[in-house]
Amino acid sequence: LPGFSVYDMVDPADPILIFDRYTGVPIAGVSMADGARLFTITTGGSGAVYDINDPSQAPDSFNAPERQRIAIRGDRIYASGWRNPLVFDISDPHRVVEIGELPVAGSGTYPNYATQAGEFIVVGSALEGLILIQPGRPGDVDGDGVIGITDLALLLSRFGDSAEHGLADGDLNCDDRVDIEDLAILLQLWGT
């Protein structure tokens, strides 16, 4: 049956089953954050957040279309799959928010694996091999580490244009244009 099990492996000779879940479709990716939140993505494109300290609690759900593997760095999930990895904000585990695609080298790299290695996200691609990504902060258009007035000014100066360089052009959802959706993302992340 498709699903997963969580074990306490303090003593590998005597693993203790914490809980198991039937998901209905196979799990494609799983990763742990904060030692208590388990994030899963199914082959059907749905994501879920489980609190392993309270297995009786129903998981929170999020949409992750065509994603396969996930890596967590800080309060972000990087989910590989078709095209570029998707980035999700997980600062509130009860409200996982898709921020947008993270552009990687070469259009349509079809990354099928993602993992964390120190400060980098490593994405494996059948077409491009291994790609190291040092993710910036979504919304931080000028790259100064703060999402503020300069980022807003840069985004507005390119508003309505097509975007050639993704995040650096203010195209925060990587749909190749700078528009109201990008402005909404920036305002949502304002001051972070």
C-alpha atoms as a PDB file:
ATOM      1  CA  LEU A   1       0.000   0.000   0.000  1.00  0.00           C
ATOM      2  CA  PRO A   2       1.382   3.454  -0.857  1.00  0.00           C
ATOM      3  CA  GLY A   3       2.411   5.531   2.126  1.00  0.00           C
ATOM      4  CA  PHE A   4       5.223   5.844   4.616  1.00  0.00           C
ATOM      5  CA  SER A   5       6.316   4.925   8.140  1.00  0.00           C
ATOM      6  CA  VAL A   6       8.246   6.958  10.714  1.00  0.00           C
ATOM      7  CA  TYR A   7      10.554   5.130  13.116  1.00  0.00           C
ATOM      8  CA  ASP A   8      12.533   6.261  16.148  1.00  0.00           C
ATOM      9  CA  MET A   9      16.021   4.978  15.364  1.00  0.00           C
ATOM     10  CA  VAL A  10      17.800   5.938  18.612  1.00  0.00           C
ATOM     11  CA  ASP A  11      18.639   2.246  18.922  1.00  0.00           C
ATOM     12  CA  PRO A  12      18.981   0.884  15.353  1.00  0.00           C
ATOM     13  CA  ALA A  13      18.812  -2.662  16.703  1.00  0.00           C
ATOM     14  CA  ASP A  14      15.373  -1.892  18.150  1.00  0.00           C
ATOM     15  CA  PRO A  15      13.524   0.627  15.936  1.00  0.00           C
ATOM     16  CA  ILE A  16      10.262   1.955  17.369  1.00  0.00           C
ATOM     17  CA  LEU A  17       7.370   2.689  15.026  1.00  0.00           C
ATOM     18  CA  ILE A  18       6.092   6.226  15.732  1.00  0.00           C
ATOM     19  CA  PHE A  19       3.364   6.181  13.093  1.00  0.00           C
ATOM     20  CA  ASP A  20       2.588   5.166   9.546  1.00  0.00           C
ATOM     21  CA  ARG A  21       0.294   6.720   6.985  1.00  0.00           C
ATOM     22  CA  TYR A  22      -1.581   5.455   3.975  1.00  0.00           C
ATOM     23  CA  THR A  23      -1.461   8.176   1.280  1.00  0.00           C
ATOM     24  CA  GLY A  24      -3.275   6.500  -1.605  1.00  0.00           C
ATOM     25  CA  VAL A  25      -0.460   7.373  -4.019  1.00  0.00           C
ATOM     26  CA  PRO A  26       3.289   6.706  -3.764  1.00  0.00           C
ATOM     27  CA  ILE A  27       5.507   9.159  -1.889  1.00  0.00           C
ATOM     28  CA  ALA A  28       8.071  10.742  -4.236  1.00  0.00           C
ATOM     29  CA  GLY A  29       9.948  12.950  -1.770  1.00  0.00           C
ATOM     30  CA  VAL A  30      10.306  13.341   1.970  1.00  0.00           C
ATOM     31  CA  SER A  31      12.372  15.647   4.164  1.00  0.00           C
ATOM     32  CA  MET A  32      12.460  16.697   7.811  1.00  0.00           C
ATOM     33  CA  ALA A  33      12.577  20.246   9.221  1.00  0.00           C
ATOM     34  CA  ASP A  34      13.140  21.341  12.818  1.00  0.00           C
ATOM     35  CA  GLY A  35      13.267  17.709  13.954  1.00  0.00           C
ATOM     36  CA  ALA A  36       9.476  17.664  14.230  1.00  0.00           C
ATOM     37  CA  ARG A  37       7.939  18.531  10.863  1.00  0.00           C
ATOM     38  CA  LEU A  38       7.930  15.920   8.126  1.00  0.00           C
ATOM     39  CA  PHE A  39       7.268  17.193   4.600  1.00  0.00           C
ATOM     40  CA  THR A  40       6.128  14.760   1.912  1.00  0.00           C
ATOM     41  CA  ILE A  41       5.318  15.052  -1.785  1.00  0.00           C
ATOM     42  CA  THR A  42       3.400  12.341  -3.634  1.00  0.00           C
ATOM     43  CA  THR A  43       3.748  11.328  -7.267  1.00  0.00           C
ATOM     44  CA  GLY A  44       0.249  12.779  -7.670  1.00  0.00           C
ATOM     45  CA  GLY A  45       1.547  16.287  -6.917  1.00  0.00           C
ATOM     46  CA  SER A  46       0.180  16.821  -3.426  1.00  0.00           C
ATOM     47  CA  GLY A  47       2.307  17.826  -0.468  1.00  0.00           C
ATOM     48  CA  ALA A  48       1.674  17.342   3.226  1.00  0.00           C
ATOM     49  CA  VAL A  49       3.231  18.505   6.496  1.00  0.00           C
ATOM     50  CA  TYR A  50       3.119  16.090   9.420  1.00  0.00           C
ATOM     51  CA  ASP A  51       3.888  16.905  13.059  1.00  0.00           C
ATOM     52  CA  ILE A  52       5.741  13.791  14.226  1.00  0.00           C
ATOM     53  CA  ASN A  53       5.301  14.843  17.860  1.00  0.00           C
ATOM     54  CA  ASP A  54       1.520  14.575  17.445  1.00  0.00           C
ATOM     55  CA  PRO A  55       0.777  11.745  14.976  1.00  0.00           C
ATOM     56  CA  SER A  56      -2.961  12.006  15.645  1.00  0.00           C
ATOM     57  CA  GLN A  57      -3.036  15.504  14.150  1.00  0.00           C
ATOM     58  CA  ALA A  58      -4.218  15.679  10.532  1.00  0.00           C
ATOM     59  CA  PRO A  59      -1.489  16.862   8.139  1.00  0.00           C
ATOM     60  CA  ASP A  60      -1.575  20.278   6.483  1.00  0.00           C
ATOM     61  CA  SER A  61      -1.699  20.040   2.679  1.00  0.00           C
ATOM     62  CA  PHE A  62      -0.165  22.034  -0.159  1.00  0.00           C
ATOM     63  CA  ASN A  63      -0.073  21.704  -3.940  1.00  0.00           C
ATOM     64  CA  ALA A  64       3.208  20.581  -5.551  1.00  0.00           C
ATOM     65  CA  PRO A  65       2.444  19.735  -9.189  1.00  0.00           C
ATOM     66  CA  GLU A  66       4.787  17.328 -10.965  1.00  0.00           C
ATOM     67  CA  ARG A  67       7.381  17.414  -8.199  1.00  0.00           C
ATOM     68  CA  GLN A  68       9.561  14.472  -7.263  1.00  0.00           C
ATOM     69  CA  ARG A  69      12.181  15.183  -4.601  1.00  0.00           C
ATOM     70  CA  ILE A  70      12.473  17.856  -1.930  1.00  0.00           C
ATOM     71  CA  ALA A  71      15.238  19.545   0.008  1.00  0.00           C
ATOM     72  CA  ILE A  72      14.764  21.945   2.914  1.00  0.00           C
ATOM     73  CA  ARG A  73      17.016  24.896   3.732  1.00  0.00           C
ATOM     74  CA  GLY A  74      15.895  27.230   6.490  1.00  0.00           C
ATOM     75  CA  ASP A  75      12.270  28.165   5.904  1.00  0.00           C
ATOM     76  CA  ARG A  76      12.263  27.104   2.227  1.00  0.00           C
ATOM     77  CA  ILE A  77      11.467  23.837   0.433  1.00  0.00           C
ATOM     78  CA  TYR A  78      13.079  23.251  -2.957  1.00  0.00           C
ATOM     79  CA  ALA A  79      11.072  20.665  -4.899  1.00  0.00           C
ATOM     80  CA  SER A  80      12.535  19.172  -8.054  1.00  0.00           C
ATOM     81  CA  GLY A  81      10.461  17.903 -10.936  1.00  0.00           C
ATOM     82  CA  TRP A  82       9.648  18.954 -14.463  1.00  0.00           C
ATOM     83  CA  ARG A  83      11.309  22.220 -15.522  1.00  0.00           C
ATOM     84  CA  ASN A  84      12.856  24.254 -12.712  1.00  0.00           C
ATOM     85  CA  PRO A  85      12.617  23.501  -8.982  1.00  0.00           C
ATOM     86  CA  LEU A  86       9.666  25.060  -7.173  1.00  0.00           C
ATOM     87  CA  VAL A  87      10.348  27.082  -4.028  1.00  0.00           C
ATOM     88  CA  PHE A  88       7.914  27.052  -1.088  1.00  0.00           C
ATOM     89  CA  ASP A  89       7.918  29.229   2.044  1.00  0.00           C
ATOM     90  CA  ILE A  90       7.438  26.985   5.092  1.00  0.00           C
ATOM     91  CA  SER A  91       7.906  29.597   7.822  1.00  0.00           C
ATOM     92  CA  ASP A  92       4.307  28.823   8.858  1.00  0.00           C
ATOM     93  CA  PRO A  93       3.987  25.018   8.638  1.00  0.00           C
ATOM     94  CA  HIS A  94       0.191  25.289   8.593  1.00  0.00           C
ATOM     95  CA  ARG A  95       0.297  27.492   5.491  1.00  0.00           C
ATOM     96  CA  VAL A  96       2.888  26.358   2.952  1.00  0.00           C
ATOM     97  CA  VAL A  97       3.123  29.044   0.245  1.00  0.00           C
ATOM     98  CA  GLU A  98       4.485  28.498  -3.257  1.00  0.00           C
ATOM     99  CA  ILE A  99       6.861  31.353  -4.054  1.00  0.00           C
ATOM    100  CA  GLY A 100       7.721  30.343  -7.602  1.00  0.00           C
ATOM    101  CA  GLU A 101      10.240  28.513  -9.742  1.00  0.00           C
ATOM    102  CA  LEU A 102      13.958  28.791  -9.107  1.00  0.00           C
ATOM    103  CA  PRO A 103      15.687  29.240 -12.461  1.00  0.00           C
ATOM    104  CA  VAL A 104      18.629  26.904 -13.012  1.00  0.00           C
ATOM    105  CA  ALA A 105      21.191  26.694 -15.787  1.00  0.00           C
ATOM    106  CA  GLY A 106      19.639  25.893 -19.133  1.00  0.00           C
ATOM    107  CA  SER A 107      15.936  26.153 -19.800  1.00  0.00           C
ATOM    108  CA  GLY A 108      14.039  22.942 -19.175  1.00  0.00           C
ATOM    109  CA  THR A 109      16.748  21.075 -17.252  1.00  0.00           C
ATOM    110  CA  TYR A 110      14.187  18.565 -15.926  1.00  0.00           C
ATOM    111  CA  PRO A 111      15.709  18.220 -12.455  1.00  0.00           C
ATOM    112  CA  ASN A 112      14.729  14.921 -10.887  1.00  0.00           C
ATOM    113  CA  TYR A 113      16.579  15.119  -7.596  1.00  0.00           C
ATOM    114  CA  ALA A 114      17.153  17.777  -4.930  1.00  0.00           C
ATOM    115  CA  THR A 115      19.076  17.669  -1.672  1.00  0.00           C
ATOM    116  CA  GLN A 116      20.774  20.099   0.685  1.00  0.00           C
ATOM    117  CA  ALA A 117      24.556  20.279   0.996  1.00  0.00           C
ATOM    118  CA  GLY A 118      25.578  22.990   3.460  1.00  0.00           C
ATOM    119  CA  GLU A 119      24.431  26.350   2.150  1.00  0.00           C
ATOM    120  CA  PHE A 120      23.700  24.939  -1.313  1.00  0.00           C
ATOM    121  CA  ILE A 121      20.828  23.076  -2.876  1.00  0.00           C
ATOM    122  CA  VAL A 122      22.100  20.336  -5.193  1.00  0.00           C
ATOM    123  CA  VAL A 123      19.790  19.543  -8.096  1.00  0.00           C
ATOM    124  CA  GLY A 124      20.407  16.487 -10.257  1.00  0.00           C
ATOM    125  CA  SER A 125      19.293  16.666 -13.858  1.00  0.00           C
ATOM    126  CA  ALA A 126      19.311  14.043 -16.588  1.00  0.00           C
ATOM    127  CA  LEU A 127      20.233  16.774 -19.097  1.00  0.00           C
ATOM    128  CA  GLU A 128      22.555  19.030 -17.083  1.00  0.00           C
ATOM    129  CA  GLY A 129      24.147  16.704 -14.489  1.00  0.00           C
ATOM    130  CA  LEU A 130      24.566  18.115 -10.978  1.00  0.00           C
ATOM    131  CA  ILE A 131      23.723  21.775 -10.509  1.00  0.00           C
ATOM    132  CA  LEU A 132      24.711  23.694  -7.355  1.00  0.00           C
ATOM    133  CA  ILE A 133      22.308  26.454  -6.398  1.00  0.00           C
ATOM    134  CA  GLN A 134      23.072  29.025  -3.747  1.00  0.00           C
ATOM    135  CA  PRO A 135      19.555  30.318  -3.335  1.00  0.00           C
ATOM    136  CA  GLY A 136      18.921  33.956  -2.795  1.00  0.00           C
ATOM    137  CA  ARG A 137      15.879  35.214  -1.005  1.00  0.00           C
ATOM    138  CA  PRO A 138      12.769  35.327  -3.181  1.00  0.00           C
ATOM    139  CA  GLY A 139      11.637  38.949  -3.340  1.00  0.00           C
ATOM    140  CA  ASP A 140      15.177  40.266  -2.801  1.00  0.00           C
ATOM    141  CA  VAL A 141      15.514  41.697  -6.318  1.00  0.00           C
ATOM    142  CA  ASP A 142      18.659  43.741  -5.578  1.00  0.00           C
ATOM    143  CA  GLY A 143      20.348  40.933  -3.612  1.00  0.00           C
ATOM    144  CA  ASP A 144      21.098  42.976  -0.476  1.00  0.00           C
ATOM    145  CA  GLY A 145      19.489  40.434   1.890  1.00  0.00           C
ATOM    146  CA  VAL A 146      16.480  42.634   2.761  1.00  0.00           C
ATOM    147  CA  ILE A 147      13.158  42.823   0.944  1.00  0.00           C
ATOM    148  CA  GLY A 148      12.333  46.510   0.918  1.00  0.00           C
ATOM    149  CA  ILE A 149      11.901  49.749  -0.986  1.00  0.00           C
ATOM    150  CA  THR A 150      14.813  49.215  -3.406  1.00  0.00           C
ATOM    151  CA  ASP A 151      13.401  45.843  -4.445  1.00  0.00           C
ATOM    152  CA  LEU A 152       9.989  47.439  -4.982  1.00  0.00           C
ATOM    153  CA  ALA A 153      11.515  50.229  -7.075  1.00  0.00           C
ATOM    154  CA  LEU A 154      13.434  47.753  -9.247  1.00  0.00           C
ATOM    155  CA  LEU A 155      10.373  45.575  -9.762  1.00  0.00           C
ATOM    156  CA  LEU A 156       8.195  48.571 -10.643  1.00  0.00           C
ATOM    157  CA  SER A 157      10.834  49.895 -13.074  1.00  0.00           C
ATOM    158  CA  ARG A 158      10.483  46.627 -15.007  1.00  0.00           C
ATOM    159  CA  PHE A 159       6.729  46.228 -14.526  1.00  0.00           C
ATOM    160  CA  GLY A 160       5.047  45.008 -17.724  1.00  0.00           C
ATOM    161  CA  ASP A 161       8.319  43.895 -19.311  1.00  0.00           C
ATOM    162  CA  SER A 162       9.371  40.413 -20.288  1.00  0.00           C
ATOM    163  CA  ALA A 163      12.044  39.048 -17.989  1.00  0.00           C
ATOM    164  CA  GLU A 164      15.267  37.564 -19.312  1.00  0.00           C
ATOM    165  CA  HIS A 165      17.052  36.977 -16.010  1.00  0.00           C
ATOM    166  CA  GLY A 166      14.262  35.777 -13.698  1.00  0.00           C
ATOM    167  CA  LEU A 167      14.565  36.955 -10.102  1.00  0.00           C
ATOM    168  CA  ALA A 168      17.124  39.654 -10.956  1.00  0.00           C
ATOM    169  CA  ASP A 169      14.549  41.286 -13.275  1.00  0.00           C
ATOM    170  CA  GLY A 170      11.803  41.166 -10.667  1.00  0.00           C
ATOM    171  CA  ASP A 171      10.184  38.067 -12.190  1.00  0.00           C
ATOM    172  CA  LEU A 172       9.643  36.449  -8.786  1.00  0.00           C
ATOM    173  CA  ASN A 173       7.413  33.616 -10.009  1.00  0.00           C
ATOM    174  CA  CYS A 174       9.612  32.962 -13.083  1.00  0.00           C
ATOM    175  CA  ASP A 175       6.815  33.162 -15.650  1.00  0.00           C
ATOM    176  CA  ASP A 176       8.991  35.311 -17.987  1.00  0.00           C
ATOM    177  CA  ARG A 177       7.184  38.585 -17.266  1.00  0.00           C
ATOM    178  CA  VAL A 178       7.092  41.155 -14.468  1.00  0.00           C
ATOM    179  CA  ASP A 179       3.482  41.683 -13.479  1.00  0.00           C
ATOM    180  CA  ILE A 180       0.957  41.953 -10.649  1.00  0.00           C
ATOM    181  CA  GLU A 181       1.701  38.394  -9.475  1.00  0.00           C
ATOM    182  CA  ASP A 182       5.343  39.343  -8.875  1.00  0.00           C
ATOM    183  CA  LEU A 183       4.298  42.487  -7.043  1.00  0.00           C
ATOM    184  CA  ALA A 184       1.997  40.409  -4.813  1.00  0.00           C
ATOM    185  CA  ILE A 185       4.876  38.046  -3.943  1.00  0.00           C
ATOM    186  CA  LEU A 186       7.172  40.954  -3.092  1.00  0.00           C
ATOM    187  CA  LEU A 187       4.542  42.612  -0.893  1.00  0.00           C
ATOM    188  CA  GLN A 188       3.831  39.318   0.868  1.00  0.00           C
ATOM    189  CA  LEU A 189       7.537  38.996   1.743  1.00  0.00           C
ATOM    190  CA  TRP A 190       8.018  42.725   2.532  1.00  0.00           C
ATOM    191  CA  GLY A 191      10.372  43.380   5.443  1.00  0.00           C
ATOM    192  CA  THR A 192      11.609  39.808   5.752  1.00  0.00           C
END
